[in-house]
Amino acid sequence: MYAVIETGGKQYRVEVGQTVDVERIAAEIGDKVELGRVLMVSTEEGIRVGDPVVTGARVMGNVVHQGRGKKLIVFRYKPKTRYRKKTGHRQSFTRVAVDSIALE
C-alpha cells in the first residue's frame, strides 16, 4: 500500500515504514503529524485517484529529525563590469517516518 501526497509544494510517493525528507514542518521531534494532501492511494483493491484529493484518506507520520540540507553556492557574474557576487543557501527540511495510511 502506498500513497502520493503533496506537502510544501512538492509531491512524494510514501509507504508505511518509509522515512521521507519534506519541506520544514513546524513540529518538535517525536510529534505526530498529518502529511499534507493525499492525491492518490493504492491498495490491494485498486487505485483511488483524487479530484484533486482523495476524500477520507490520511497519511500520519512521526517527526524524526529537523535539519538543514547541504549548502548550495550561488555565484553571479557579469563580464567586463567587475560584478561578482557569491552567496550560499541551505534549505531546511523535516525527516518524517510514515506510520500509517488510512482510507475511510
Protein backbone atom coordinates (compact mmCIF):
# COMPACT_ATOMS: atom_id res chain seq x y z
CA MET A 1 0.00 0.00 0.00
CA TYR A 2 1.35 3.41 -0.93
CA ALA A 3 0.10 6.96 -1.31
CA VAL A 4 1.07 10.08 -3.21
CA ILE A 5 0.98 13.18 -1.00
CA GLU A 6 1.61 16.87 -1.54
CA THR A 7 3.33 18.95 1.13
CA GLY A 8 5.44 22.07 0.83
CA GLY A 9 4.59 22.41 -2.87
CA LYS A 10 6.17 19.05 -3.76
CA GLN A 11 4.74 15.58 -4.30
CA TYR A 12 6.07 12.42 -2.63
CA ARG A 13 5.31 8.71 -3.01
CA VAL A 14 5.24 7.24 0.51
CA GLU A 15 4.79 3.79 2.04
CA VAL A 16 4.32 2.68 5.63
CA GLY A 17 7.70 2.42 7.40
CA GLN A 18 9.47 4.75 4.97
CA THR A 19 11.26 7.93 6.05
CA VAL A 20 10.93 10.94 3.79
CA ASP A 21 12.52 14.41 3.87
CA VAL A 22 9.87 17.08 3.31
CA GLU A 23 9.91 20.87 3.45
CA ARG A 24 10.17 22.16 7.01
CA ILE A 25 7.13 21.49 9.21
CA ALA A 26 6.71 23.45 12.45
CA ALA A 27 6.75 20.46 14.83
CA GLU A 28 9.02 19.08 17.53
CA ILE A 29 10.94 15.79 17.28
CA GLY A 30 8.62 12.95 18.30
CA ASP A 31 5.40 14.78 17.36
CA LYS A 32 2.71 13.08 15.28
CA VAL A 33 1.90 14.97 12.07
CA GLU A 34 -0.56 14.56 9.24
CA LEU A 35 1.25 14.79 5.94
CA GLY A 36 -0.35 17.20 3.54
CA ARG A 37 -2.95 16.45 0.93
CA VAL A 38 -3.41 12.86 -0.27
CA LEU A 39 -3.60 12.85 -4.07
CA MET A 40 -3.66 9.08 -4.69
CA VAL A 41 -3.89 5.85 -2.69
CA SER A 42 -3.01 2.38 -3.95
CA THR A 43 -4.43 -0.60 -2.03
CA GLU A 44 -4.99 -4.29 -2.70
CA GLU A 45 -8.45 -3.47 -4.09
CA GLY A 46 -7.09 -0.97 -6.61
CA ILE A 47 -6.06 2.62 -7.07
CA ARG A 48 -8.08 5.63 -5.91
CA VAL A 49 -7.18 8.93 -7.54
CA GLY A 50 -8.41 12.17 -6.03
CA ASP A 51 -10.11 15.08 -7.73
CA PRO A 52 -7.83 16.79 -6.60
CA VAL A 53 -7.61 14.96 -3.22
CA VAL A 54 -8.89 11.57 -2.06
CA THR A 55 -11.69 12.16 0.43
CA GLY A 56 -11.27 10.32 3.72
CA ALA A 57 -7.61 9.48 3.16
CA ARG A 58 -4.98 10.37 5.76
CA VAL A 59 -1.24 9.79 5.97
CA MET A 60 0.13 10.01 9.50
CA GLY A 61 3.80 10.27 10.41
CA ASN A 62 6.23 10.82 13.24
CA VAL A 63 8.86 13.61 13.15
CA VAL A 64 12.29 12.00 13.41
CA HIS A 65 14.69 14.88 12.66
CA GLN A 66 14.75 18.61 11.91
CA GLY A 67 17.74 19.64 9.82
CA ARG A 68 19.22 21.64 7.01
CA GLY A 69 20.49 20.37 3.68
CA LYS A 70 23.87 20.79 2.04
CA LYS A 71 24.98 24.30 1.16
CA LEU A 72 24.38 25.40 -2.42
CA ILE A 73 26.69 28.04 -3.81
CA VAL A 74 25.07 30.77 -5.92
CA PHE A 75 27.60 32.75 -7.95
CA ARG A 76 26.54 35.70 -10.08
CA TYR A 77 29.00 37.15 -12.58
CA LYS A 78 28.84 39.77 -15.31
CA PRO A 79 31.80 40.08 -17.62
CA LYS A 80 33.64 43.37 -18.16
CA THR A 81 31.88 45.17 -15.30
CA ARG A 82 33.69 43.82 -12.21
CA TYR A 83 30.45 42.38 -10.87
CA ARG A 84 30.83 39.22 -8.83
CA LYS A 85 28.56 38.08 -6.03
CA LYS A 86 28.87 34.81 -4.16
CA THR A 87 26.11 33.69 -1.80
CA GLY A 88 25.03 30.40 -0.31
CA HIS A 89 21.75 28.73 0.60
CA ARG A 90 20.81 25.86 2.93
CA GLN A 91 17.24 24.54 2.74
CA SER A 92 15.57 23.43 5.97
CA PHE A 93 13.85 20.05 6.00
CA THR A 94 11.91 17.73 8.30
CA ARG A 95 12.54 13.98 8.27
CA VAL A 96 9.26 12.12 8.83
CA ALA A 97 8.74 8.38 9.37
CA VAL A 98 5.40 7.32 7.84
CA ASP A 99 3.35 5.38 10.42
CA SER A 100 0.03 4.75 8.72
CA ILE A 101 -2.01 5.29 5.59
CA ALA A 102 -5.71 5.32 6.45
CA LEU A 103 -8.52 5.17 3.90
CA GLU A 104 -12.08 5.62 5.13
